[in-house]
Amino acid sequence: MATDTTAAVLCARCNCPNSRRHERRAHPDERGLTTLEWLLIVAAVAGLAALAVVLVQNVVDDTAEQLGGASARETAANVAADTVVRESMTAQPSDARFNTWQKWELYFTARCERLEILYSDTNLSVTPRFVRPSGKRDTDPTSIGELNAATKEAPAANKPQASCDRTTDA
């Protein structure tokens, strides 16, 4: 009588004669990854790539906003300085804040110096030059004609100096 060698080997799990089939299921082939494992790896890599793109875009956008904001602030500081000078040249002598040359000098010098504080984030340095016309005393009244004649050059007779020079420290 011929003996069947395969029938003699019984499955350890369920005692059936198909032990090889059960062993294959219990011990998967370790030579490669399954489709599901590859899918998970690809999804993880794609997620990391997307995250990296978002982070780089945020950094670039923030940097662009900072640069744009700084440029706008510098422009605003320059406009503010020009406004102080223009207002010093069109001040009304009837206004008690600048109805004498001393008050005029102090008022517009303080306004110019205040710009350095307001725009400190732009590294702005200001040099106020609000000087009465030569020959005028502290208590002498200002006049519309003299104020309108103000220039950035050194003061002369009946011509005050009105300047709010600014430089940006590097």
C-alpha atoms as a PDB file:
ATOM      1  CA  MET A   1       0.000   0.000   0.000  1.00  0.00           C
ATOM      2  CA  ALA A   2       1.312   3.364  -0.953  1.00  0.00           C
ATOM      3  CA  THR A   3       1.490   5.968   1.740  1.00  0.00           C
ATOM      4  CA  ASP A   4       0.642   9.553   1.083  1.00  0.00           C
ATOM      5  CA  THR A   5       3.379  11.748   2.584  1.00  0.00           C
ATOM      6  CA  THR A   6       1.335  14.891   2.420  1.00  0.00           C
ATOM      7  CA  ALA A   7      -1.504  13.408   4.421  1.00  0.00           C
ATOM      8  CA  ALA A   8       0.845  12.627   7.257  1.00  0.00           C
ATOM      9  CA  VAL A   9       1.618  16.299   7.839  1.00  0.00           C
ATOM     10  CA  LEU A  10      -1.254  17.885   9.658  1.00  0.00           C
ATOM     11  CA  CYS A  11      -1.792  21.543  10.335  1.00  0.00           C
ATOM     12  CA  ALA A  12      -0.817  22.593  13.824  1.00  0.00           C
ATOM     13  CA  ARG A  13      -3.661  25.087  14.014  1.00  0.00           C
ATOM     14  CA  CYS A  14      -6.666  23.132  12.958  1.00  0.00           C
ATOM     15  CA  ASN A  15      -5.376  19.565  12.406  1.00  0.00           C
ATOM     16  CA  CYS A  16      -6.321  19.604   8.724  1.00  0.00           C
ATOM     17  CA  PRO A  17      -4.163  17.981   6.010  1.00  0.00           C
ATOM     18  CA  ASN A  18      -3.597  21.379   4.245  1.00  0.00           C
ATOM     19  CA  SER A  19      -0.868  22.608   6.544  1.00  0.00           C
ATOM     20  CA  ARG A  20       1.172  24.267   3.753  1.00  0.00           C
ATOM     21  CA  ARG A  21      -1.672  26.573   2.803  1.00  0.00           C
ATOM     22  CA  HIS A  22      -2.125  27.666   6.426  1.00  0.00           C
ATOM     23  CA  GLU A  23       1.602  28.235   6.870  1.00  0.00           C
ATOM     24  CA  ARG A  24       1.697  30.559   3.851  1.00  0.00           C
ATOM     25  CA  ARG A  25      -1.044  32.683   5.381  1.00  0.00           C
ATOM     26  CA  ALA A  26       0.529  32.685   8.804  1.00  0.00           C
ATOM     27  CA  HIS A  27       3.991  33.677   7.509  1.00  0.00           C
ATOM     28  CA  PRO A  28       3.667  36.186   4.677  1.00  0.00           C
ATOM     29  CA  ASP A  29       6.395  36.553   2.110  1.00  0.00           C
ATOM     30  CA  GLU A  30       8.970  38.904   3.618  1.00  0.00           C
ATOM     31  CA  ARG A  31      10.768  39.606   0.348  1.00  0.00           C
ATOM     32  CA  GLY A  32       8.741  42.762  -0.411  1.00  0.00           C
ATOM     33  CA  LEU A  33       6.078  45.130   0.812  1.00  0.00           C
ATOM     34  CA  THR A  34       2.402  44.655   0.139  1.00  0.00           C
ATOM     35  CA  THR A  35       0.408  47.099  -1.943  1.00  0.00           C
ATOM     36  CA  LEU A  36      -1.169  48.642   1.143  1.00  0.00           C
ATOM     37  CA  GLU A  37       2.224  49.231   2.744  1.00  0.00           C
ATOM     38  CA  TRP A  38       3.502  50.949  -0.415  1.00  0.00           C
ATOM     39  CA  LEU A  39       0.373  53.092  -0.528  1.00  0.00           C
ATOM     40  CA  LEU A  40       0.919  54.210   3.067  1.00  0.00           C
ATOM     41  CA  ILE A  41       4.558  55.077   2.362  1.00  0.00           C
ATOM     42  CA  VAL A  42       3.647  57.093  -0.752  1.00  0.00           C
ATOM     43  CA  ALA A  43       0.900  58.930   1.153  1.00  0.00           C
ATOM     44  CA  ALA A  44       3.302  59.804   3.987  1.00  0.00           C
ATOM     45  CA  VAL A  45       5.931  61.142   1.555  1.00  0.00           C
ATOM     46  CA  ALA A  46       3.295  63.163  -0.318  1.00  0.00           C
ATOM     47  CA  GLY A  47       2.025  64.608   2.976  1.00  0.00           C
ATOM     48  CA  LEU A  48       5.523  65.649   4.028  1.00  0.00           C
ATOM     49  CA  ALA A  49       6.149  67.244   0.622  1.00  0.00           C
ATOM     50  CA  ALA A  50       2.895  69.202   0.865  1.00  0.00           C
ATOM     51  CA  LEU A  51       3.782  70.354   4.370  1.00  0.00           C
ATOM     52  CA  ALA A  52       7.213  71.505   3.208  1.00  0.00           C
ATOM     53  CA  VAL A  53       5.667  73.493   0.344  1.00  0.00           C
ATOM     54  CA  VAL A  54       3.216  75.217   2.691  1.00  0.00           C
ATOM     55  CA  LEU A  55       5.978  76.107   5.170  1.00  0.00           C
ATOM     56  CA  VAL A  56       8.225  77.556   2.461  1.00  0.00           C
ATOM     57  CA  GLN A  57       5.343  79.604   1.033  1.00  0.00           C
ATOM     58  CA  ASN A  58       4.530  81.027   4.476  1.00  0.00           C
ATOM     59  CA  VAL A  59       8.139  82.030   5.075  1.00  0.00           C
ATOM     60  CA  VAL A  60       8.367  83.688   1.657  1.00  0.00           C
ATOM     61  CA  ASP A  61       5.052  85.516   2.146  1.00  0.00           C
ATOM     62  CA  ASP A  62       6.046  86.754   5.621  1.00  0.00           C
ATOM     63  CA  THR A  63       9.392  87.993   4.330  1.00  0.00           C
ATOM     64  CA  ALA A  64       7.739  89.783   1.421  1.00  0.00           C
ATOM     65  CA  GLU A  65       5.262  91.440   3.771  1.00  0.00           C
ATOM     66  CA  GLN A  66       8.047  92.595   6.083  1.00  0.00           C
ATOM     67  CA  LEU A  67      10.048  94.037   3.206  1.00  0.00           C
ATOM     68  CA  GLY A  68       6.995  95.701   1.725  1.00  0.00           C
ATOM     69  CA  GLY A  69       5.966  97.056   5.096  1.00  0.00           C
ATOM     70  CA  ALA A  70       9.414  98.504   5.775  1.00  0.00           C
ATOM     71  CA  SER A  71       9.458 100.242   2.423  1.00  0.00           C
ATOM     72  CA  ALA A  72       6.006 101.699   3.018  1.00  0.00           C
ATOM     73  CA  ARG A  73       7.033 102.875   6.489  1.00  0.00           C
ATOM     74  CA  GLU A  74      10.112 104.625   5.084  1.00  0.00           C
ATOM     75  CA  THR A  75       7.953 106.372   2.511  1.00  0.00           C
ATOM     76  CA  ALA A  76       5.505 107.387   5.235  1.00  0.00           C
ATOM     77  CA  ALA A  77       8.375 108.796   7.325  1.00  0.00           C
ATOM     78  CA  ASN A  78       9.600 110.870   4.384  1.00  0.00           C
ATOM     79  CA  VAL A  79       6.104 112.178   3.694  1.00  0.00           C
ATOM     80  CA  ALA A  80       5.659 113.042   7.383  1.00  0.00           C
ATOM     81  CA  ALA A  81       8.959 114.948   7.440  1.00  0.00           C
ATOM     82  CA  ASP A  82       7.996 116.906   4.327  1.00  0.00           C
ATOM     83  CA  THR A  83       4.641 117.662   5.925  1.00  0.00           C
ATOM     84  CA  VAL A  84       6.321 119.108   9.033  1.00  0.00           C
ATOM     85  CA  VAL A  85       8.468 121.396   6.866  1.00  0.00           C
ATOM     86  CA  ARG A  86       5.500 122.480   4.722  1.00  0.00           C
ATOM     87  CA  GLU A  87       3.407 123.211   7.816  1.00  0.00           C
ATOM     88  CA  SER A  88       6.251 125.250   9.330  1.00  0.00           C
ATOM     89  CA  MET A  89       6.285 127.412   6.194  1.00  0.00           C
ATOM     90  CA  THR A  90       2.508 127.941   6.206  1.00  0.00           C
ATOM     91  CA  ALA A  91       2.008 128.370   9.953  1.00  0.00           C
ATOM     92  CA  GLN A  92      -0.366 131.144  10.971  1.00  0.00           C
ATOM     93  CA  PRO A  93       1.277 133.776  13.172  1.00  0.00           C
ATOM     94  CA  SER A  94      -2.035 134.179  15.005  1.00  0.00           C
ATOM     95  CA  ASP A  95      -1.686 130.625  16.398  1.00  0.00           C
ATOM     96  CA  ALA A  96      -0.311 130.797  19.957  1.00  0.00           C
ATOM     97  CA  ARG A  97       1.778 127.638  19.392  1.00  0.00           C
ATOM     98  CA  PHE A  98       4.123 129.507  17.053  1.00  0.00           C
ATOM     99  CA  ASN A  99       3.409 133.241  17.238  1.00  0.00           C
ATOM    100  CA  THR A 100       7.008 134.053  18.246  1.00  0.00           C
ATOM    101  CA  TRP A 101      10.219 132.794  16.661  1.00  0.00           C
ATOM    102  CA  GLN A 102      11.220 130.862  19.753  1.00  0.00           C
ATOM    103  CA  LYS A 103       7.863 129.053  19.907  1.00  0.00           C
ATOM    104  CA  TRP A 104       8.029 128.369  16.145  1.00  0.00           C
ATOM    105  CA  GLU A 105      11.520 126.850  16.455  1.00  0.00           C
ATOM    106  CA  LEU A 106      10.613 124.720  19.481  1.00  0.00           C
ATOM    107  CA  TYR A 107       7.276 123.514  18.089  1.00  0.00           C
ATOM    108  CA  PHE A 108       8.525 122.344  14.692  1.00  0.00           C
ATOM    109  CA  THR A 109      11.817 121.006  16.054  1.00  0.00           C
ATOM    110  CA  ALA A 110       9.836 118.814  18.466  1.00  0.00           C
ATOM    111  CA  ARG A 111       7.510 117.632  15.673  1.00  0.00           C
ATOM    112  CA  CYS A 112      10.482 116.710  13.511  1.00  0.00           C
ATOM    113  CA  GLU A 113      12.242 114.880  16.359  1.00  0.00           C
ATOM    114  CA  ARG A 114       9.040 112.986  17.128  1.00  0.00           C
ATOM    115  CA  LEU A 115       9.245 111.357  13.690  1.00  0.00           C
ATOM    116  CA  GLU A 116      12.366 109.503  14.788  1.00  0.00           C
ATOM    117  CA  ILE A 117      10.334 107.894  17.574  1.00  0.00           C
ATOM    118  CA  LEU A 118       7.244 107.225  15.457  1.00  0.00           C
ATOM    119  CA  TYR A 119       9.251 105.582  12.696  1.00  0.00           C
ATOM    120  CA  SER A 120      11.952 103.922  14.809  1.00  0.00           C
ATOM    121  CA  ASP A 121      11.336 100.602  13.048  1.00  0.00           C
ATOM    122  CA  THR A 122      12.772 102.150   9.846  1.00  0.00           C
ATOM    123  CA  ASN A 123      16.056 103.226  11.556  1.00  0.00           C
ATOM    124  CA  LEU A 124      15.237 106.829  10.694  1.00  0.00           C
ATOM    125  CA  SER A 125      17.486 109.579  12.010  1.00  0.00           C
ATOM    126  CA  VAL A 126      16.293 113.160  11.785  1.00  0.00           C
ATOM    127  CA  THR A 127      18.127 116.446  12.039  1.00  0.00           C
ATOM    128  CA  PRO A 128      15.677 119.287  12.655  1.00  0.00           C
ATOM    129  CA  ARG A 129      16.779 122.703  11.459  1.00  0.00           C
ATOM    130  CA  PHE A 130      14.151 125.281  12.273  1.00  0.00           C
ATOM    131  CA  VAL A 131      16.059 128.520  12.732  1.00  0.00           C
ATOM    132  CA  ARG A 132      14.630 132.041  12.840  1.00  0.00           C
ATOM    133  CA  PRO A 133      15.833 134.674  10.350  1.00  0.00           C
ATOM    134  CA  SER A 134      19.106 136.312  11.255  1.00  0.00           C
ATOM    135  CA  GLY A 135      18.660 139.356  13.461  1.00  0.00           C
ATOM    136  CA  LYS A 136      15.383 138.145  15.022  1.00  0.00           C
ATOM    137  CA  ARG A 137      15.019 137.681  18.788  1.00  0.00           C
ATOM    138  CA  ASP A 138      13.149 134.931  20.683  1.00  0.00           C
ATOM    139  CA  THR A 139      10.171 137.142  21.427  1.00  0.00           C
ATOM    140  CA  ASP A 140       9.853 138.734  17.976  1.00  0.00           C
ATOM    141  CA  PRO A 141       6.564 137.804  16.300  1.00  0.00           C
ATOM    142  CA  THR A 142       6.517 135.586  13.243  1.00  0.00           C
ATOM    143  CA  SER A 143       5.053 136.890   9.984  1.00  0.00           C
ATOM    144  CA  ILE A 144       3.385 135.143   7.072  1.00  0.00           C
ATOM    145  CA  GLY A 145       5.837 136.653   4.577  1.00  0.00           C
ATOM    146  CA  GLU A 146       8.891 135.460   6.490  1.00  0.00           C
ATOM    147  CA  LEU A 147       7.460 131.984   7.112  1.00  0.00           C
ATOM    148  CA  ASN A 148       6.557 131.573   3.439  1.00  0.00           C
ATOM    149  CA  ALA A 149      10.124 132.530   2.472  1.00  0.00           C
ATOM    150  CA  ALA A 150      11.652 129.732   4.570  1.00  0.00           C
ATOM    151  CA  THR A 151      14.140 127.466   2.787  1.00  0.00           C
ATOM    152  CA  LYS A 152      16.455 124.570   3.618  1.00  0.00           C
ATOM    153  CA  GLU A 153      19.489 126.824   3.322  1.00  0.00           C
ATOM    154  CA  ALA A 154      21.023 128.681   6.252  1.00  0.00           C
ATOM    155  CA  PRO A 155      18.849 131.515   7.593  1.00  0.00           C
ATOM    156  CA  ALA A 156      19.245 135.041   6.274  1.00  0.00           C
ATOM    157  CA  ALA A 157      17.538 138.353   6.960  1.00  0.00           C
ATOM    158  CA  ASN A 158      13.749 137.843   6.749  1.00  0.00           C
ATOM    159  CA  LYS A 159      14.276 134.231   5.633  1.00  0.00           C
ATOM    160  CA  PRO A 160      14.168 131.424   8.232  1.00  0.00           C
ATOM    161  CA  GLN A 161      15.558 127.935   7.766  1.00  0.00           C
ATOM    162  CA  ALA A 162      12.986 125.115   7.765  1.00  0.00           C
ATOM    163  CA  SER A 163      14.349 121.607   7.314  1.00  0.00           C
ATOM    164  CA  CYS A 164      13.677 118.166   8.742  1.00  0.00           C
ATOM    165  CA  ASP A 165      16.574 116.234   7.217  1.00  0.00           C
ATOM    166  CA  ARG A 166      16.394 112.496   7.500  1.00  0.00           C
ATOM    167  CA  THR A 167      18.760 109.635   6.956  1.00  0.00           C
ATOM    168  CA  THR A 168      18.249 105.922   7.323  1.00  0.00           C
ATOM    169  CA  ASP A 169      20.857 104.129   9.394  1.00  0.00           C
ATOM    170  CA  ALA A 170      22.051 100.926   7.740  1.00  0.00           C
END
